[in-house]
N, C-alpha and C. Protein backbone atom coordinates (compact mmCIF):
# COMPACT_ATOMS: atom_id res chain seq x y z
N MET A 1 -50.14 -3.59 8.90
CA MET A 1 -49.78 -4.50 9.04
C MET A 1 -49.41 -4.94 7.35
N LEU A 2 -49.98 -4.81 6.97
CA LEU A 2 -49.42 -4.30 4.60
C LEU A 2 -48.50 -3.95 4.56
N LYS A 3 -48.46 -2.53 5.25
CA LYS A 3 -47.50 -1.88 5.52
C LYS A 3 -45.91 -2.36 5.74
N SER A 4 -45.94 -3.45 7.22
CA SER A 4 -45.00 -4.28 7.85
C SER A 4 -44.57 -4.88 6.83
N LEU A 5 -45.51 -5.77 5.74
CA LEU A 5 -45.49 -6.75 5.05
C LEU A 5 -44.73 -6.00 3.35
N VAL A 6 -44.90 -5.23 3.20
CA VAL A 6 -44.53 -4.72 1.64
C VAL A 6 -43.33 -3.86 2.28
N LEU A 7 -42.47 -3.77 4.11
CA LEU A 7 -42.11 -3.30 3.84
C LEU A 7 -40.76 -4.23 3.84
N ALA A 8 -41.49 -5.34 4.88
CA ALA A 8 -40.55 -6.41 4.62
C ALA A 8 -39.84 -7.52 3.14
N THR A 9 -40.96 -7.02 2.60
CA THR A 9 -40.08 -7.96 0.88
C THR A 9 -39.35 -6.66 1.02
N SER A 10 -39.84 -6.20 0.97
CA SER A 10 -38.53 -5.18 -0.08
C SER A 10 -37.93 -4.75 0.58
N LEU A 11 -37.20 -5.15 1.74
CA LEU A 11 -35.83 -5.33 2.52
C LEU A 11 -35.03 -7.29 1.96
N LEU A 12 -36.60 -7.89 1.64
CA LEU A 12 -36.05 -9.05 0.95
C LEU A 12 -35.45 -8.81 -0.26
N VAL A 13 -36.35 -8.72 -0.85
CA VAL A 13 -36.12 -7.62 -2.19
C VAL A 13 -34.63 -7.87 -3.23
N GLY A 14 -33.93 -7.06 -1.39
CA GLY A 14 -33.34 -6.19 -1.62
C GLY A 14 -31.74 -6.92 -0.89
N ALA A 15 -32.41 -7.79 -0.03
CA ALA A 15 -30.68 -8.51 0.64
C ALA A 15 -30.61 -9.39 -0.24
N SER A 16 -28.85 -9.83 0.12
CA SER A 16 -28.39 -10.53 -0.80
C SER A 16 -27.56 -10.76 0.13
N ALA A 17 -27.98 -11.24 1.51
CA ALA A 17 -27.29 -11.58 2.11
C ALA A 17 -27.98 -13.20 2.72
N ASP A 18 -27.07 -14.22 3.03
CA ASP A 18 -27.27 -15.20 3.48
C ASP A 18 -27.83 -15.41 4.95
N ILE A 19 -28.61 -16.42 5.51
CA ILE A 19 -29.15 -16.92 6.04
C ILE A 19 -28.64 -17.97 6.88
N ALA A 20 -28.06 -18.15 8.96
CA ALA A 20 -27.49 -19.48 8.67
C ALA A 20 -29.13 -19.71 9.26
N THR A 21 -28.90 -21.33 9.23
CA THR A 21 -30.27 -21.99 9.56
C THR A 21 -29.41 -23.03 10.50
N THR A 22 -28.98 -22.28 11.67
CA THR A 22 -28.30 -22.79 12.62
C THR A 22 -29.03 -21.38 14.12
N SER A 23 -29.39 -20.72 13.04
CA SER A 23 -30.49 -18.68 13.89
C SER A 23 -31.40 -19.12 13.91
N SER A 24 -31.85 -18.18 15.00
CA SER A 24 -33.41 -18.73 15.46
C SER A 24 -33.99 -18.16 13.94
N ILE A 25 -33.79 -17.17 12.98
CA ILE A 25 -34.26 -16.89 12.12
C ILE A 25 -34.70 -18.53 11.20
N GLY A 26 -33.49 -18.71 10.98
CA GLY A 26 -33.70 -20.35 9.90
C GLY A 26 -34.25 -21.26 10.90
N LYS A 27 -34.17 -22.23 12.55
CA LYS A 27 -35.34 -22.41 12.56
C LYS A 27 -36.51 -22.24 12.21
N SER A 28 -37.01 -20.75 12.80
CA SER A 28 -38.14 -20.64 12.35
C SER A 28 -38.98 -21.26 10.88
N LEU A 29 -37.84 -20.53 10.63
CA LEU A 29 -38.32 -20.65 8.43
C LEU A 29 -38.37 -22.83 8.41
N LEU A 30 -37.08 -22.79 8.95
CA LEU A 30 -37.26 -24.51 7.96
C LEU A 30 -39.12 -25.65 9.10
N LYS A 31 -38.45 -24.56 10.27
CA LYS A 31 -39.84 -25.38 10.78
C LYS A 31 -41.41 -25.50 10.39
N THR A 32 -41.76 -24.59 9.33
CA THR A 32 -43.32 -24.96 8.60
C THR A 32 -42.27 -24.84 7.21
N ALA A 33 -41.63 -25.19 6.86
CA ALA A 33 -40.81 -25.24 5.27
C ALA A 33 -41.31 -26.25 4.51
N ARG A 34 -42.01 -26.68 2.91
CA ARG A 34 -41.76 -27.43 2.82
C ARG A 34 -41.02 -27.78 1.40
N ARG A 35 -39.98 -28.83 1.03
CA ARG A 35 -39.34 -29.31 -0.16
C ARG A 35 -40.56 -29.13 -0.83
N LEU A 36 -39.64 -29.01 -2.36
CA LEU A 36 -40.67 -28.52 -2.98
C LEU A 36 -40.40 -30.30 -3.81
N GLU A 37 -39.31 -30.90 -3.41
CA GLU A 37 -39.31 -31.48 -4.80
C GLU A 37 -40.28 -33.07 -4.22
N ASP A 38 -39.88 -33.32 -2.73
CA ASP A 38 -40.51 -34.22 -1.56
C ASP A 38 -41.88 -33.89 -1.17
N GLY A 39 -42.81 -33.32 -1.80
CA GLY A 39 -44.53 -33.32 -1.62
C GLY A 39 -43.96 -32.47 0.52
N ASP A 40 -45.55 -33.56 0.66
CA ASP A 40 -45.79 -33.24 1.50
C ASP A 40 -44.55 -34.33 2.96
N GLU A 41 -43.64 -35.56 3.18
CA GLU A 41 -43.63 -36.54 3.89
C GLU A 41 -42.96 -35.39 4.23
N GLU A 42 -42.69 -35.88 6.01
CA GLU A 42 -41.60 -35.60 7.14
C GLU A 42 -40.80 -35.69 7.01
N VAL A 43 -39.46 -34.94 7.31
CA VAL A 43 -38.44 -34.30 6.43
C VAL A 43 -37.42 -34.46 8.21
N ASP A 44 -36.16 -34.91 8.12
CA ASP A 44 -35.58 -35.15 9.52
C ASP A 44 -34.57 -33.37 9.15
N TYR A 45 -34.95 -32.34 9.54
CA TYR A 45 -33.81 -31.37 8.97
C TYR A 45 -32.56 -30.70 10.23
N SER A 46 -32.17 -32.00 10.60
CA SER A 46 -30.61 -31.78 11.44
C SER A 46 -29.05 -31.62 10.62
N TYR A 47 -29.20 -32.44 9.64
CA TYR A 47 -28.27 -32.12 8.08
C TYR A 47 -28.39 -30.91 7.63
N VAL A 48 -29.04 -30.24 8.06
CA VAL A 48 -28.78 -28.00 7.16
C VAL A 48 -28.24 -28.30 8.10
N ALA A 49 -27.17 -28.29 9.80
CA ALA A 49 -26.39 -27.47 10.34
C ALA A 49 -25.02 -26.30 9.55
N ASN A 50 -24.75 -26.85 7.61
CA ASN A 50 -24.20 -26.07 7.09
C ASN A 50 -24.23 -26.39 6.03
N TYR A 51 -25.20 -25.26 6.52
CA TYR A 51 -26.06 -24.83 5.10
C TYR A 51 -26.39 -22.99 5.17
N SER A 52 -26.73 -22.42 4.54
CA SER A 52 -27.40 -20.91 4.80
C SER A 52 -28.56 -20.46 3.92
N ILE A 53 -30.25 -20.20 4.05
CA ILE A 53 -31.78 -19.90 3.91
C ILE A 53 -30.69 -18.68 2.46
N LYS A 54 -31.19 -18.92 1.55
CA LYS A 54 -30.78 -17.89 0.78
C LYS A 54 -32.61 -17.55 0.28
N PHE A 55 -32.61 -16.66 0.67
CA PHE A 55 -33.99 -15.95 0.00
C PHE A 55 -34.68 -16.15 -2.10
N GLN A 56 -35.49 -16.29 -2.68
CA GLN A 56 -35.46 -16.88 -4.03
C GLN A 56 -37.07 -16.89 -4.42
N GLY A 57 -37.66 -15.45 -3.92
CA GLY A 57 -38.57 -14.94 -4.34
C GLY A 57 -40.32 -14.94 -3.63
N CYS A 58 -41.17 -14.35 -3.68
CA CYS A 58 -42.40 -14.15 -3.86
C CYS A 58 -42.94 -15.31 -5.10
N HIS A 59 -44.21 -15.89 -4.56
CA HIS A 59 -45.41 -16.29 -5.51
C HIS A 59 -46.53 -16.02 -5.24
N HIS A 60 -47.23 -15.40 -6.15
CA HIS A 60 -48.89 -16.69 -5.25
C HIS A 60 -49.14 -17.33 -6.54
N VAL A 61 -50.32 -18.62 -5.51
CA VAL A 61 -51.19 -19.24 -5.91
C VAL A 61 -52.75 -19.00 -5.71
N THR A 62 -53.13 -19.74 -7.44
CA THR A 62 -54.24 -19.37 -7.06
C THR A 62 -54.86 -20.76 -7.02
N GLN A 63 -55.76 -20.34 -5.80
CA GLN A 63 -56.19 -22.22 -6.04
C GLN A 63 -57.68 -22.27 -5.04
N TRP A 64 -58.27 -23.67 -5.40
CA TRP A 64 -59.59 -23.83 -4.65
C TRP A 64 -59.81 -23.90 -3.09
N ASN A 65 -60.48 -23.06 -3.31
CA ASN A 65 -60.84 -22.92 -1.69
C ASN A 65 -61.83 -24.29 -1.40
N ALA A 66 -61.04 -25.18 -0.24
CA ALA A 66 -62.03 -25.99 0.62
C ALA A 66 -62.67 -25.41 1.74
N GLU A 67 -62.56 -24.25 2.14
CA GLU A 67 -63.63 -24.61 3.33
C GLU A 67 -64.26 -23.63 3.17
N VAL A 68 -64.56 -22.97 2.50
CA VAL A 68 -66.16 -22.90 1.49
C VAL A 68 -67.77 -23.30 2.74
N ASP A 69 -67.59 -22.60 3.43
CA ASP A 69 -68.89 -22.64 4.58
C ASP A 69 -70.34 -23.04 3.78
N GLU A 70 -70.76 -21.24 3.08
CA GLU A 70 -71.50 -20.63 2.66
C GLU A 70 -71.80 -20.27 0.81
N ASP A 71 -73.00 -19.80 0.02
CA ASP A 71 -73.11 -19.80 -0.82
C ASP A 71 -71.42 -17.72 -0.59
N ASN A 72 -71.70 -16.65 0.54
CA ASN A 72 -71.52 -16.07 -0.23
C ASN A 72 -69.56 -15.78 0.62
N ASP A 73 -69.05 -17.18 0.83
CA ASP A 73 -67.78 -17.67 0.59
C ASP A 73 -66.85 -17.54 -0.27
N VAL A 74 -66.12 -17.13 -0.48
CA VAL A 74 -64.90 -17.16 -1.74
C VAL A 74 -64.75 -18.34 -2.27
N ARG A 75 -64.38 -18.63 -3.29
CA ARG A 75 -64.43 -20.21 -3.39
C ARG A 75 -62.57 -20.22 -4.30
N ILE A 76 -62.63 -19.07 -4.78
CA ILE A 76 -61.43 -19.56 -5.64
C ILE A 76 -59.94 -18.12 -4.35
N GLN A 77 -59.38 -18.48 -3.91
CA GLN A 77 -57.87 -18.17 -2.99
C GLN A 77 -56.76 -17.94 -3.17
N THR A 78 -56.26 -16.38 -3.44
CA THR A 78 -54.65 -16.27 -3.49
C THR A 78 -53.83 -17.10 -2.79
N VAL A 79 -52.62 -18.11 -2.58
CA VAL A 79 -52.57 -18.17 -1.78
C VAL A 79 -51.33 -17.19 -1.86
N ARG A 80 -49.91 -16.50 -0.95
CA ARG A 80 -48.34 -15.98 -1.51
C ARG A 80 -48.15 -16.88 -0.01
N LEU A 81 -46.23 -17.14 -1.19
CA LEU A 81 -45.10 -17.47 -0.58
C LEU A 81 -44.64 -17.06 -1.09
N ALA A 82 -43.32 -17.65 0.00
CA ALA A 82 -41.62 -17.33 -0.31
C ALA A 82 -40.30 -18.48 -0.56
N ARG A 83 -40.46 -18.41 -1.64
CA ARG A 83 -39.44 -19.87 -1.71
C ARG A 83 -37.89 -19.69 -1.80
N PHE A 84 -37.66 -20.51 -1.16
CA PHE A 84 -36.25 -19.85 -0.39
C PHE A 84 -35.69 -21.52 -0.70
N ARG A 85 -33.57 -20.42 -0.61
CA ARG A 85 -32.62 -22.36 -1.14
C ARG A 85 -31.88 -22.89 -0.02
N LEU A 86 -32.11 -24.15 0.55
CA LEU A 86 -30.89 -24.15 1.65
C LEU A 86 -28.76 -24.47 0.19
N CYS A 87 -28.21 -23.67 0.56
CA CYS A 87 -27.43 -23.70 -0.15
C CYS A 87 -25.18 -23.95 0.89
N PRO A 88 -25.43 -25.22 0.67
CA PRO A 88 -23.79 -25.17 1.47
C PRO A 88 -22.98 -24.35 2.36
N VAL A 89 -22.98 -24.16 3.26
CA VAL A 89 -22.29 -22.86 3.97
C VAL A 89 -20.97 -21.77 2.70
N ASP A 90 -20.20 -22.95 2.15
CA ASP A 90 -19.17 -22.86 1.41
C ASP A 90 -19.14 -22.14 -0.13
N THR A 91 -20.32 -22.82 -0.49
CA THR A 91 -20.49 -21.91 -1.76
C THR A 91 -21.34 -21.44 -1.84
N CYS A 92 -21.94 -20.79 -0.77
CA CYS A 92 -22.72 -19.76 -0.97
C CYS A 92 -22.55 -18.50 -1.18
N SER A 93 -22.79 -18.19 -1.96
CA SER A 93 -21.99 -16.63 -2.64
C SER A 93 -23.39 -15.49 -2.05
N ASN A 94 -23.22 -14.35 -1.84
CA ASN A 94 -24.10 -13.42 -1.54
C ASN A 94 -23.96 -12.38 -2.87
N GLN A 95 -22.43 -12.56 -3.72
CA GLN A 95 -22.13 -12.21 -4.90
C GLN A 95 -23.99 -12.53 -6.45
N LYS A 96 -23.79 -13.76 -6.39
CA LYS A 96 -24.72 -14.50 -6.62
C LYS A 96 -26.14 -14.60 -5.90
N THR A 97 -27.12 -14.27 -6.94
CA THR A 97 -28.98 -14.28 -6.73
C THR A 97 -29.51 -15.73 -6.38
N ALA A 98 -29.02 -16.81 -7.33
CA ALA A 98 -29.32 -18.27 -6.53
C ALA A 98 -28.83 -18.80 -5.76
N GLY A 99 -27.81 -18.14 -4.57
CA GLY A 99 -27.01 -18.09 -4.23
C GLY A 99 -25.46 -19.65 -4.36
N CYS A 100 -26.42 -20.81 -4.95
CA CYS A 100 -25.37 -22.06 -5.20
C CYS A 100 -26.15 -22.35 -6.05
N THR A 101 -25.23 -22.92 -7.13
CA THR A 101 -25.36 -23.95 -8.30
C THR A 101 -25.71 -25.60 -7.94
N SER A 102 -25.35 -26.05 -7.03
CA SER A 102 -25.33 -27.19 -6.97
C SER A 102 -24.64 -27.65 -5.20
N GLY A 103 -25.76 -29.00 -5.51
CA GLY A 103 -25.23 -28.95 -3.27
C GLY A 103 -27.26 -29.01 -2.70
N TYR A 104 -27.91 -27.74 -3.25
CA TYR A 104 -28.58 -27.55 -2.41
C TYR A 104 -29.85 -28.02 -2.92
N GLY A 105 -31.53 -27.48 -2.17
CA GLY A 105 -32.60 -27.97 -1.87
C GLY A 105 -33.57 -26.28 -1.96
N ASP A 106 -34.92 -26.10 -2.81
CA ASP A 106 -36.01 -25.72 -2.68
C ASP A 106 -36.57 -25.89 -1.52
N TYR A 107 -36.94 -23.98 -1.59
CA TYR A 107 -37.84 -24.68 -0.04
C TYR A 107 -39.86 -23.90 -0.29
N ILE A 108 -40.19 -24.25 0.23
CA ILE A 108 -41.34 -23.03 -0.26
C ILE A 108 -42.13 -22.96 2.33
N VAL A 109 -42.83 -22.13 1.51
CA VAL A 109 -42.99 -21.55 3.50
C VAL A 109 -44.49 -20.49 2.81
N ASP A 110 -45.17 -19.57 3.68
CA ASP A 110 -46.23 -19.26 3.65
C ASP A 110 -45.89 -18.59 3.75
N LEU A 111 -46.06 -17.45 3.24
CA LEU A 111 -45.34 -15.83 2.87
C LEU A 111 -45.30 -15.18 4.10
N ASP A 112 -45.76 -15.01 5.38
CA ASP A 112 -46.91 -14.16 6.19
C ASP A 112 -45.78 -14.96 7.43
N THR A 113 -44.80 -16.55 7.27
CA THR A 113 -44.28 -17.34 7.97
C THR A 113 -42.80 -16.32 7.54
N PHE A 114 -42.88 -16.43 6.48
CA PHE A 114 -41.86 -16.04 6.53
C PHE A 114 -40.73 -14.59 6.98
N LEU A 115 -42.03 -13.75 6.20
CA LEU A 115 -41.50 -12.44 7.39
C LEU A 115 -42.24 -11.88 8.38
N ALA A 116 -42.90 -13.37 9.29
CA ALA A 116 -42.92 -13.26 10.72
C ALA A 116 -41.31 -13.48 11.21
N SER A 117 -41.15 -14.81 10.29
CA SER A 117 -39.18 -14.80 11.39
C SER A 117 -38.74 -13.76 11.14
N TYR A 118 -38.53 -12.68 10.27
CA TYR A 118 -38.14 -11.23 10.18
C TYR A 118 -38.25 -10.47 11.07
N LEU A 119 -39.28 -10.57 11.29
CA LEU A 119 -39.97 -9.45 12.35
C LEU A 119 -39.55 -9.30 14.15
């Protein structure tokens, strides 16, 4: 599993192509993604048909483990996240790392979920 995660991550970092939100990969990612600016609010994603998904990078966040039961459990855990951007299809560029500079939304999802969409 670790080898496939490393391989998929290296492919993503080197990839310049965008992903259509209407593709099976796009639908899978959006199903579990959270928009960075809106927090945990329920969002209708039907508007994203004319957007592309552009991978932005991987992030690791250290946080308190709220599910600690015993003294031996890990109290601080690292959460691995993937950040991606929804860019309007007509302005999304494969030549730009960011994909687009206006009309976009940044989202995060668990890294394993992001990679599972590719595998």
